[in-house]
Every structure is written in structure tokens, then in C-alpha cells.
Amino acid sequence: MNIASYFHLASSALHTTARNKQDILNAIAESAVKNEVLKKTDPHTLLKKLSERESIGSTGFGKGIAIPHCSLDNISSFVIGVLISREGVDFRAMDGQPVKLFVYIIAPSKYRNEHIRILSEISKVLRNAANVNKLLESTSVKGFFETFTRIANWDSSEDLPQEYSQLTVHIQDAEAFTRILELFTEMKDCHLSVLEAGNAGKYLYALPLFSHFMNEDRKGFHRLILAVINTVYVNESVRKIQTICEELACLDKVMVSTHMLTYFNGAIDI
């Protein structure tokens, strides 16, 4: 999936003078419908969809960044665009701070998995303050997305060998779980399952021999991620998981194993 092909370059302006959240959503709707993919979409319909998504919870995830997005039934491709507010807008972001950078996504309803992966890929870039500062210096939409693509360094190759492996990741730390799950959702051609698990102590607690060592408070967090990915991504994935564990000082709470698959068929929703 090469998401650069979805970038919307037909906006009349990169910078917006919108002063509030409603104005921003209006500006996004007016900008997005200039794209050929949305030529049959009324701006008011798109505005309604964007507003409905915001009513669930703000897409402003903090540090001056928001990724407004919605899904439409009558389109077959994605539209990804950008607006920048120099002064910042009260977008009811999670941290309460004004939002300056808006990267929006209009998605086909039938491509839910791809929608999730695009959200993950874009948010990964925007969580880095240095990346955001570079992007805010852009003077044109084209320049913005050229910088964005260079920072993201996405692999757009479609000629990957058809060899797959399964990574099994046992995780006993909630923050590590969130970051490792995001890592997999960003990955091309990745099939995921998450299982609720229990530490062995949860069961030892019920045995008289071990009850002295265990108690209800020590049952703890435990989840299992099963990820089927293209084998070319295995080493890089293991390296990134190791980095996450080192940053969070939880090397004793994450265990990874991998094995090649002799048979693989089908797909599942994220």
C-alpha cells in the first residue's frame, strides 16, 4: 500500500484562517471535494460525516496535531489532505491545547483495515515533534507531502516474496502493548489477533501449595499478540519491539517468538 498516491494536492491553499473547530471541518470538506475521488460528494454530506466522527471523540490527539477522518460508502479510494493554522485552533484536543496541523483522511467504508493502517502510519510521523516542525515550515501542499513522504520513508514495493512468518508476543505491560500493537497496525500486509491472557500466577493462586506467593493484586496485565507478516519484515519488527522494551524498561515483561509458516491462506479484519 503506497499511501502517497492518496495525497490530495488540489487544495487552493495550505494555510487556513479558520478560527474554530466548525470552521476547520468546513474548510476540510470544501478542500476535499476538489479531489476527483469526491467529485460526486456534496460538501455538506462530508461535513456531516466529519462532525459525526468528532462527536465520538476529538481526533486532536495532542501536541498541536489532529487527524480528522471519516468513511464514505460511495467512494473507491482514499483522499488525504492537510491544513495548517498558524495561530492554532481550539479543536477540543485531548490535551486541551490549540491545534495547528490538521492531516485529514476521507476513506472508503469497505477498506476498514487500510483506513486503520493509514491512521497508524500518519500518527507515527506526527508524534515526533521534530517532524512536525519541519512540516509546519512547508509553503505549499506539494512541498508538505514531499517532506512527509521523505520523513515517513514508506516501503512502496509491491514485489515482496510470498513467504510469511508468525510473531507471537506475550506482553505484561500495558504501555508496551499499545506501542507494539501500533507497530503492527502500521505494517503492510499484516494479519493480527489479540488474545486476553493470564499470568501463570493467576492459576497458581488457587493451589494451596503456591497460595503463599500469590494474591489477587498480582494477577496483572497479560495480552498475547499473534501477527502474521511477510518474512522480510520479521527482523525489523523484532528490533523495533526490542527498542520499545528498552525505552520502557520492561524487557522482563515482553517475550517474542517467531516461526516460518509452511502454509498461509486467507485474511482477517483488524
C-alpha atoms as a PDB file:
ATOM      1  CA  MET A   1       0.000   0.000   0.000  1.00  0.00           C
ATOM      2  CA  ASN A   2       1.620   3.238  -1.173  1.00  0.00           C
ATOM      3  CA  ILE A   3      -0.373   5.914   0.632  1.00  0.00           C
ATOM      4  CA  ALA A   4       1.482   8.705  -1.177  1.00  0.00           C
ATOM      5  CA  SER A   5      -0.829   8.016  -4.124  1.00  0.00           C
ATOM      6  CA  TYR A   6      -3.761   9.250  -1.985  1.00  0.00           C
ATOM      7  CA  PHE A   7      -2.306  12.670  -1.206  1.00  0.00           C
ATOM      8  CA  HIS A   8      -4.669  15.474  -2.201  1.00  0.00           C
ATOM      9  CA  LEU A   9      -2.659  18.216  -3.928  1.00  0.00           C
ATOM     10  CA  ALA A  10      -5.554  20.227  -5.386  1.00  0.00           C
ATOM     11  CA  SER A  11      -6.207  22.385  -2.309  1.00  0.00           C
ATOM     12  CA  SER A  12      -6.344  26.082  -3.147  1.00  0.00           C
ATOM     13  CA  ALA A  13      -4.241  26.937  -0.076  1.00  0.00           C
ATOM     14  CA  LEU A  14      -2.155  25.159   2.536  1.00  0.00           C
ATOM     15  CA  HIS A  15      -2.833  27.628   5.342  1.00  0.00           C
ATOM     16  CA  THR A  16      -6.246  28.336   6.827  1.00  0.00           C
ATOM     17  CA  THR A  17      -7.646  31.311   8.696  1.00  0.00           C
ATOM     18  CA  ALA A  18     -10.356  29.212  10.364  1.00  0.00           C
ATOM     19  CA  ARG A  19     -10.894  30.303  13.968  1.00  0.00           C
ATOM     20  CA  ASN A  20     -12.829  27.395  15.492  1.00  0.00           C
ATOM     21  CA  LYS A  21     -13.490  23.688  15.123  1.00  0.00           C
ATOM     22  CA  GLN A  22     -16.579  24.080  12.960  1.00  0.00           C
ATOM     23  CA  ASP A  23     -14.708  26.376  10.579  1.00  0.00           C
ATOM     24  CA  ILE A  24     -11.890  23.836  10.292  1.00  0.00           C
ATOM     25  CA  LEU A  25     -14.282  21.000   9.448  1.00  0.00           C
ATOM     26  CA  ASN A  26     -15.973  23.245   6.869  1.00  0.00           C
ATOM     27  CA  ALA A  27     -12.600  24.078   5.335  1.00  0.00           C
ATOM     28  CA  ILE A  28     -11.659  20.395   5.165  1.00  0.00           C
ATOM     29  CA  ALA A  29     -14.935  19.485   3.470  1.00  0.00           C
ATOM     30  CA  GLU A  30     -14.587  22.301   0.930  1.00  0.00           C
ATOM     31  CA  SER A  31     -10.985  21.351   0.192  1.00  0.00           C
ATOM     32  CA  ALA A  32     -11.517  17.590  -0.022  1.00  0.00           C
ATOM     33  CA  VAL A  33     -14.361  17.679  -2.557  1.00  0.00           C
ATOM     34  CA  LYS A  34     -11.984  19.241  -5.091  1.00  0.00           C
ATOM     35  CA  ASN A  35     -10.425  15.808  -5.414  1.00  0.00           C
ATOM     36  CA  GLU A  36     -11.645  13.689  -8.344  1.00  0.00           C
ATOM     37  CA  VAL A  37     -12.470  10.819  -5.964  1.00  0.00           C
ATOM     38  CA  LEU A  38     -15.050  13.027  -4.209  1.00  0.00           C
ATOM     39  CA  LYS A  39     -16.490  14.811  -7.246  1.00  0.00           C
ATOM     40  CA  LYS A  40     -19.948  13.311  -6.591  1.00  0.00           C
ATOM     41  CA  THR A  41     -19.857  14.066  -2.857  1.00  0.00           C
ATOM     42  CA  ASP A  42     -21.669  17.118  -1.544  1.00  0.00           C
ATOM     43  CA  PRO A  43     -19.559  19.206   0.901  1.00  0.00           C
ATOM     44  CA  HIS A  44     -22.453  19.231   3.395  1.00  0.00           C
ATOM     45  CA  THR A  45     -22.573  15.425   3.364  1.00  0.00           C
ATOM     46  CA  LEU A  46     -18.847  15.244   4.003  1.00  0.00           C
ATOM     47  CA  LEU A  47     -19.084  17.861   6.749  1.00  0.00           C
ATOM     48  CA  LYS A  48     -21.808  15.814   8.436  1.00  0.00           C
ATOM     49  CA  LYS A  49     -19.645  12.675   8.348  1.00  0.00           C
ATOM     50  CA  LEU A  50     -16.633  14.510   9.768  1.00  0.00           C
ATOM     51  CA  SER A  51     -18.782  16.038  12.513  1.00  0.00           C
ATOM     52  CA  GLU A  52     -20.271  12.649  13.400  1.00  0.00           C
ATOM     53  CA  ARG A  53     -16.762  11.248  13.855  1.00  0.00           C
ATOM     54  CA  GLU A  54     -15.774  14.191  16.064  1.00  0.00           C
ATOM     55  CA  SER A  55     -18.877  13.640  18.219  1.00  0.00           C
ATOM     56  CA  ILE A  56     -17.433  10.238  19.206  1.00  0.00           C
ATOM     57  CA  GLY A  57     -14.248  11.887  20.441  1.00  0.00           C
ATOM     58  CA  SER A  58     -11.857  14.544  19.220  1.00  0.00           C
ATOM     59  CA  THR A  59      -9.327  13.446  16.618  1.00  0.00           C
ATOM     60  CA  GLY A  60      -6.979  16.031  18.105  1.00  0.00           C
ATOM     61  CA  PHE A  61      -4.594  13.682  19.907  1.00  0.00           C
ATOM     62  CA  GLY A  62      -2.415  16.364  21.469  1.00  0.00           C
ATOM     63  CA  LYS A  63       0.718  18.486  20.935  1.00  0.00           C
ATOM     64  CA  GLY A  64      -0.968  20.630  18.286  1.00  0.00           C
ATOM     65  CA  ILE A  65      -1.890  17.738  15.982  1.00  0.00           C
ATOM     66  CA  ALA A  66      -5.232  16.408  14.718  1.00  0.00           C
ATOM     67  CA  ILE A  67      -6.160  13.739  12.153  1.00  0.00           C
ATOM     68  CA  PRO A  68      -9.828  14.362  11.275  1.00  0.00           C
ATOM     69  CA  HIS A  69     -11.203  11.416   9.332  1.00  0.00           C
ATOM     70  CA  CYS A  70     -14.382   9.695   8.225  1.00  0.00           C
ATOM     71  CA  SER A  71     -15.658   6.946   5.910  1.00  0.00           C
ATOM     72  CA  LEU A  72     -17.989   7.160   2.915  1.00  0.00           C
ATOM     73  CA  ASP A  73     -19.863   4.346   1.181  1.00  0.00           C
ATOM     74  CA  ASN A  74     -19.813   5.794  -2.320  1.00  0.00           C
ATOM     75  CA  ILE A  75     -16.054   6.186  -2.942  1.00  0.00           C
ATOM     76  CA  SER A  76     -13.437   3.642  -4.009  1.00  0.00           C
ATOM     77  CA  SER A  77     -10.185   5.319  -2.942  1.00  0.00           C
ATOM     78  CA  PHE A  78      -8.704   7.424  -0.143  1.00  0.00           C
ATOM     79  CA  VAL A  79      -8.212  11.183  -0.038  1.00  0.00           C
ATOM     80  CA  ILE A  80      -5.534  12.533   2.316  1.00  0.00           C
ATOM     81  CA  GLY A  81      -5.113  16.289   2.714  1.00  0.00           C
ATOM     82  CA  VAL A  82      -3.662  18.924   5.019  1.00  0.00           C
ATOM     83  CA  LEU A  83      -4.479  22.303   6.549  1.00  0.00           C
ATOM     84  CA  ILE A  84      -2.221  24.415   8.756  1.00  0.00           C
ATOM     85  CA  SER A  85      -3.375  27.085  11.209  1.00  0.00           C
ATOM     86  CA  ARG A  86      -0.574  29.452  12.166  1.00  0.00           C
ATOM     87  CA  GLU A  87      -2.377  30.704  15.263  1.00  0.00           C
ATOM     88  CA  GLY A  88      -3.831  27.370  16.325  1.00  0.00           C
ATOM     89  CA  VAL A  89      -7.488  26.423  16.754  1.00  0.00           C
ATOM     90  CA  ASP A  90      -9.407  25.143  19.763  1.00  0.00           C
ATOM     91  CA  PHE A  91     -10.242  21.690  18.405  1.00  0.00           C
ATOM     92  CA  ARG A  92     -11.082  20.201  21.817  1.00  0.00           C
ATOM     93  CA  ALA A  93      -7.906  18.162  21.626  1.00  0.00           C
ATOM     94  CA  MET A  94      -7.177  15.514  24.242  1.00  0.00           C
ATOM     95  CA  ASP A  95      -4.573  17.723  25.950  1.00  0.00           C
ATOM     96  CA  GLY A  96      -6.674  20.891  25.673  1.00  0.00           C
ATOM     97  CA  GLN A  97      -4.027  22.666  23.574  1.00  0.00           C
ATOM     98  CA  PRO A  98      -4.713  24.542  20.298  1.00  0.00           C
ATOM     99  CA  VAL A  99      -4.201  22.536  17.121  1.00  0.00           C
ATOM    100  CA  LYS A 100      -2.010  23.878  14.302  1.00  0.00           C
ATOM    101  CA  LEU A 101      -1.580  20.890  11.996  1.00  0.00           C
ATOM    102  CA  PHE A 102      -4.539  19.002  10.521  1.00  0.00           C
ATOM    103  CA  VAL A 103      -3.974  15.964   8.303  1.00  0.00           C
ATOM    104  CA  TYR A 104      -7.353  14.634   7.170  1.00  0.00           C
ATOM    105  CA  ILE A 105      -8.377  11.274   5.711  1.00  0.00           C
ATOM    106  CA  ILE A 106     -11.539  10.533   3.740  1.00  0.00           C
ATOM    107  CA  ALA A 107     -11.797   6.755   3.401  1.00  0.00           C
ATOM    108  CA  PRO A 108     -13.942   4.218   1.546  1.00  0.00           C
ATOM    109  CA  SER A 109     -16.079   2.368   4.095  1.00  0.00           C
ATOM    110  CA  LYS A 110     -15.206  -1.001   2.545  1.00  0.00           C
ATOM    111  CA  TYR A 111     -11.464  -0.553   3.217  1.00  0.00           C
ATOM    112  CA  ARG A 112     -11.549  -0.508   7.007  1.00  0.00           C
ATOM    113  CA  ASN A 113      -8.228  -2.330   7.511  1.00  0.00           C
ATOM    114  CA  GLU A 114      -6.393   0.054   5.183  1.00  0.00           C
ATOM    115  CA  HIS A 115      -8.030   3.023   6.954  1.00  0.00           C
ATOM    116  CA  ILE A 116      -6.640   1.827  10.284  1.00  0.00           C
ATOM    117  CA  ARG A 117      -3.167   1.285   8.829  1.00  0.00           C
ATOM    118  CA  ILE A 118      -3.084   4.724   7.212  1.00  0.00           C
ATOM    119  CA  LEU A 119      -4.124   6.326  10.514  1.00  0.00           C
ATOM    120  CA  SER A 120      -1.332   4.450  12.276  1.00  0.00           C
ATOM    121  CA  GLU A 121       1.304   5.378   9.694  1.00  0.00           C
ATOM    122  CA  ILE A 122       0.395   9.066   9.727  1.00  0.00           C
ATOM    123  CA  SER A 123       0.161   9.306  13.517  1.00  0.00           C
ATOM    124  CA  LYS A 124       3.600   7.679  13.829  1.00  0.00           C
ATOM    125  CA  VAL A 125       5.122  10.519  11.787  1.00  0.00           C
ATOM    126  CA  LEU A 126       3.192  13.251  13.611  1.00  0.00           C
ATOM    127  CA  ARG A 127       4.079  12.076  17.118  1.00  0.00           C
ATOM    128  CA  ASN A 128       7.647  13.235  16.523  1.00  0.00           C
ATOM    129  CA  ALA A 129       7.983  16.959  17.363  1.00  0.00           C
ATOM    130  CA  ALA A 130      10.957  17.424  15.007  1.00  0.00           C
ATOM    131  CA  ASN A 131       8.902  16.002  12.127  1.00  0.00           C
ATOM    132  CA  VAL A 132       6.013  18.335  12.895  1.00  0.00           C
ATOM    133  CA  ASN A 133       8.302  21.390  12.975  1.00  0.00           C
ATOM    134  CA  LYS A 134       9.648  20.509   9.519  1.00  0.00           C
ATOM    135  CA  LEU A 135       6.129  20.049   8.162  1.00  0.00           C
ATOM    136  CA  LEU A 136       4.907  23.347   9.589  1.00  0.00           C
ATOM    137  CA  GLU A 137       7.619  25.134   7.598  1.00  0.00           C
ATOM    138  CA  SER A 138       6.024  24.000   4.305  1.00  0.00           C
ATOM    139  CA  THR A 139       4.927  26.744   1.929  1.00  0.00           C
ATOM    140  CA  SER A 140       2.849  24.576  -0.407  1.00  0.00           C
ATOM    141  CA  VAL A 141       0.724  21.444  -0.267  1.00  0.00           C
ATOM    142  CA  LYS A 142       3.108  19.710  -2.659  1.00  0.00           C
ATOM    143  CA  GLY A 143       6.082  20.651  -0.504  1.00  0.00           C
ATOM    144  CA  PHE A 144       4.295  19.429   2.622  1.00  0.00           C
ATOM    145  CA  PHE A 145       3.680  15.972   1.217  1.00  0.00           C
ATOM    146  CA  GLU A 146       7.145  15.702  -0.302  1.00  0.00           C
ATOM    147  CA  THR A 147       8.569  16.333   3.173  1.00  0.00           C
ATOM    148  CA  PHE A 148       6.020  13.972   4.716  1.00  0.00           C
ATOM    149  CA  THR A 149       6.934  11.133   2.342  1.00  0.00           C
ATOM    150  CA  ARG A 150      10.660  11.663   2.896  1.00  0.00           C
ATOM    151  CA  ILE A 151      10.247  11.556   6.692  1.00  0.00           C
ATOM    152  CA  ALA A 152       7.995   8.508   6.635  1.00  0.00           C
ATOM    153  CA  ASN A 153      10.293   6.518   4.339  1.00  0.00           C
ATOM    154  CA  TRP A 154       7.494   4.136   3.405  1.00  0.00           C
ATOM    155  CA  ASP A 155       8.271   0.949   1.519  1.00  0.00           C
ATOM    156  CA  SER A 156       6.041   1.124  -1.553  1.00  0.00           C
ATOM    157  CA  SER A 157       7.408  -2.025  -3.180  1.00  0.00           C
ATOM    158  CA  GLU A 158       4.760  -4.442  -4.371  1.00  0.00           C
ATOM    159  CA  ASP A 159       7.254  -7.205  -5.280  1.00  0.00           C
ATOM    160  CA  LEU A 160       7.667  -8.887  -1.904  1.00  0.00           C
ATOM    161  CA  PRO A 161       8.353 -12.632  -1.738  1.00  0.00           C
ATOM    162  CA  GLN A 162       5.273 -14.623  -0.778  1.00  0.00           C
ATOM    163  CA  GLU A 163       6.801 -16.005   2.404  1.00  0.00           C
ATOM    164  CA  TYR A 164       5.188 -15.407   5.780  1.00  0.00           C
ATOM    165  CA  SER A 165       6.079 -15.812   9.436  1.00  0.00           C
ATOM    166  CA  GLN A 166       4.151 -15.605  12.670  1.00  0.00           C
ATOM    167  CA  LEU A 167       5.325 -13.480  15.560  1.00  0.00           C
ATOM    168  CA  THR A 168       3.909 -14.365  18.964  1.00  0.00           C
ATOM    169  CA  VAL A 169       4.342 -11.587  21.528  1.00  0.00           C
ATOM    170  CA  HIS A 170       3.466 -12.106  25.198  1.00  0.00           C
ATOM    171  CA  ILE A 171       3.083  -8.724  26.901  1.00  0.00           C
ATOM    172  CA  GLN A 172       2.687  -7.940  30.613  1.00  0.00           C
ATOM    173  CA  ASP A 173       2.934  -4.149  30.369  1.00  0.00           C
ATOM    174  CA  ALA A 174       0.001  -2.006  29.186  1.00  0.00           C
ATOM    175  CA  GLU A 175       2.057   0.783  27.574  1.00  0.00           C
ATOM    176  CA  ALA A 176       4.278  -1.712  25.777  1.00  0.00           C
ATOM    177  CA  PHE A 177       1.160  -3.454  24.480  1.00  0.00           C
ATOM    178  CA  THR A 178      -0.193  -0.203  22.991  1.00  0.00           C
ATOM    179  CA  ARG A 179       3.066   0.668  21.253  1.00  0.00           C
ATOM    180  CA  ILE A 180       3.713  -2.838  19.929  1.00  0.00           C
ATOM    181  CA  LEU A 181       0.146  -3.122  18.630  1.00  0.00           C
ATOM    182  CA  GLU A 182       0.563   0.217  16.828  1.00  0.00           C
ATOM    183  CA  LEU A 183       3.798  -1.083  15.328  1.00  0.00           C
ATOM    184  CA  PHE A 184       1.956  -3.976  13.706  1.00  0.00           C
ATOM    185  CA  THR A 185      -1.007  -1.892  12.523  1.00  0.00           C
ATOM    186  CA  GLU A 186       1.419   0.318  10.579  1.00  0.00           C
ATOM    187  CA  MET A 187       2.798  -2.686   8.736  1.00  0.00           C
ATOM    188  CA  LYS A 188       1.924  -3.599   5.175  1.00  0.00           C
ATOM    189  CA  ASP A 189       0.203  -6.978   4.692  1.00  0.00           C
ATOM    190  CA  CYS A 190      -0.071  -7.780   8.405  1.00  0.00           C
ATOM    191  CA  HIS A 191      -2.785 -10.006   9.908  1.00  0.00           C
ATOM    192  CA  LEU A 192      -3.409  -9.544  13.619  1.00  0.00           C
ATOM    193  CA  SER A 193      -5.152 -11.196  16.532  1.00  0.00           C
ATOM    194  CA  VAL A 194      -5.086 -10.091  20.175  1.00  0.00           C
ATOM    195  CA  LEU A 195      -5.856 -12.572  22.938  1.00  0.00           C
ATOM    196  CA  GLU A 196      -6.570 -11.797  26.563  1.00  0.00           C
ATOM    197  CA  ALA A 197      -4.276 -13.976  28.619  1.00  0.00           C
ATOM    198  CA  GLY A 198      -3.421 -14.561  32.255  1.00  0.00           C
ATOM    199  CA  ASN A 199      -0.161 -14.844  34.124  1.00  0.00           C
ATOM    200  CA  ALA A 200       0.512 -18.344  35.424  1.00  0.00           C
ATOM    201  CA  GLY A 201       0.207 -16.901  38.907  1.00  0.00           C
ATOM    202  CA  LYS A 202      -3.498 -16.376  38.284  1.00  0.00           C
ATOM    203  CA  TYR A 203      -3.906 -20.133  38.328  1.00  0.00           C
ATOM    204  CA  LEU A 204      -1.226 -20.949  40.891  1.00  0.00           C
ATOM    205  CA  TYR A 205      -3.095 -18.700  43.310  1.00  0.00           C
ATOM    206  CA  ALA A 206      -5.848 -21.316  43.501  1.00  0.00           C
ATOM    207  CA  LEU A 207      -3.425 -24.088  44.508  1.00  0.00           C
ATOM    208  CA  PRO A 208      -2.709 -24.405  48.243  1.00  0.00           C
ATOM    209  CA  LEU A 209       0.970 -25.119  47.657  1.00  0.00           C
ATOM    210  CA  PHE A 210       1.535 -21.752  45.949  1.00  0.00           C
ATOM    211  CA  SER A 211      -1.062 -19.511  47.609  1.00  0.00           C
ATOM    212  CA  HIS A 212       1.581 -18.060  49.927  1.00  0.00           C
ATOM    213  CA  PHE A 213       3.321 -16.447  46.923  1.00  0.00           C
ATOM    214  CA  MET A 214       0.313 -15.146  45.005  1.00  0.00           C
ATOM    215  CA  ASN A 215      -2.626 -12.857  45.667  1.00  0.00           C
ATOM    216  CA  GLU A 216      -5.428 -11.238  43.700  1.00  0.00           C
ATOM    217  CA  ASP A 217      -3.485  -7.989  43.256  1.00  0.00           C
ATOM    218  CA  ARG A 218      -0.646  -9.752  41.439  1.00  0.00           C
ATOM    219  CA  LYS A 219      -2.659 -11.319  38.644  1.00  0.00           C
ATOM    220  CA  GLY A 220      -1.521  -8.468  36.446  1.00  0.00           C
ATOM    221  CA  PHE A 221      -1.821  -7.368  32.812  1.00  0.00           C
ATOM    222  CA  HIS A 222      -1.219 -10.023  30.166  1.00  0.00           C
ATOM    223  CA  ARG A 223      -2.097  -9.992  26.466  1.00  0.00           C
ATOM    224  CA  LEU A 224      -0.948 -12.021  23.513  1.00  0.00           C
ATOM    225  CA  ILE A 225      -0.426 -10.614  20.005  1.00  0.00           C
ATOM    226  CA  LEU A 226      -0.362 -13.056  17.105  1.00  0.00           C
ATOM    227  CA  ALA A 227       0.919 -11.335  13.964  1.00  0.00           C
ATOM    228  CA  VAL A 228       1.284 -12.989  10.568  1.00  0.00           C
ATOM    229  CA  ILE A 229       3.610 -10.818   8.478  1.00  0.00           C
ATOM    230  CA  ASN A 230       5.758 -11.028   5.381  1.00  0.00           C
ATOM    231  CA  THR A 231       9.040 -12.651   6.364  1.00  0.00           C
ATOM    232  CA  VAL A 232      11.070  -9.687   5.066  1.00  0.00           C
ATOM    233  CA  TYR A 233       9.674  -7.608   7.966  1.00  0.00           C
ATOM    234  CA  VAL A 234      10.493 -10.047  10.771  1.00  0.00           C
ATOM    235  CA  ASN A 235      13.977  -8.849  11.747  1.00  0.00           C
ATOM    236  CA  GLU A 236      12.975  -5.187  11.665  1.00  0.00           C
ATOM    237  CA  SER A 237       9.865  -5.917  13.756  1.00  0.00           C
ATOM    238  CA  VAL A 238      11.868  -7.781  16.387  1.00  0.00           C
ATOM    239  CA  ARG A 239      14.386  -4.919  16.501  1.00  0.00           C
ATOM    240  CA  LYS A 240      11.636  -2.323  16.981  1.00  0.00           C
ATOM    241  CA  ILE A 241       9.973  -4.372  19.733  1.00  0.00           C
ATOM    242  CA  GLN A 242      13.347  -4.613  21.484  1.00  0.00           C
ATOM    243  CA  THR A 243      13.748  -0.820  21.242  1.00  0.00           C
ATOM    244  CA  ILE A 244      10.267  -0.239  22.710  1.00  0.00           C
ATOM    245  CA  CYS A 245      11.039  -2.565  25.627  1.00  0.00           C
ATOM    246  CA  GLU A 246      14.349  -0.846  26.314  1.00  0.00           C
ATOM    247  CA  GLU A 247      12.734   2.603  26.265  1.00  0.00           C
ATOM    248  CA  LEU A 248      10.018   1.462  28.693  1.00  0.00           C
ATOM    249  CA  ALA A 249      12.399  -0.628  30.830  1.00  0.00           C
ATOM    250  CA  CYS A 250      10.124  -3.643  30.515  1.00  0.00           C
ATOM    251  CA  LEU A 251      12.410  -6.281  28.995  1.00  0.00           C
ATOM    252  CA  ASP A 252      11.222  -8.696  31.689  1.00  0.00           C
ATOM    253  CA  LYS A 253       7.567  -8.183  30.705  1.00  0.00           C
ATOM    254  CA  VAL A 254       7.671  -8.914  26.964  1.00  0.00           C
ATOM    255  CA  MET A 255       8.557 -12.187  25.249  1.00  0.00           C
ATOM    256  CA  VAL A 256       8.767 -12.649  21.460  1.00  0.00           C
ATOM    257  CA  SER A 257       8.967 -15.820  19.399  1.00  0.00           C
ATOM    258  CA  THR A 258       8.886 -16.258  15.613  1.00  0.00           C
ATOM    259  CA  HIS A 259       8.460 -19.128  13.204  1.00  0.00           C
ATOM    260  CA  MET A 260       8.165 -19.538   9.462  1.00  0.00           C
ATOM    261  CA  LEU A 261       4.772 -20.629   8.142  1.00  0.00           C
ATOM    262  CA  THR A 262       4.645 -23.608   5.802  1.00  0.00           C
ATOM    263  CA  TYR A 263       1.068 -22.725   4.868  1.00  0.00           C
ATOM    264  CA  PHE A 264      -0.796 -19.425   4.830  1.00  0.00           C
ATOM    265  CA  ASN A 265      -4.165 -18.582   3.311  1.00  0.00           C
ATOM    266  CA  GLY A 266      -6.988 -16.110   3.915  1.00  0.00           C
ATOM    267  CA  ALA A 267      -7.192 -12.823   5.799  1.00  0.00           C
ATOM    268  CA  ILE A 268      -8.907 -11.320   8.851  1.00  0.00           C
ATOM    269  CA  ASP A 269     -10.132  -7.836   9.789  1.00  0.00           C
ATOM    270  CA  ILE A 270      -8.057  -5.746  12.155  1.00  0.00           C
END
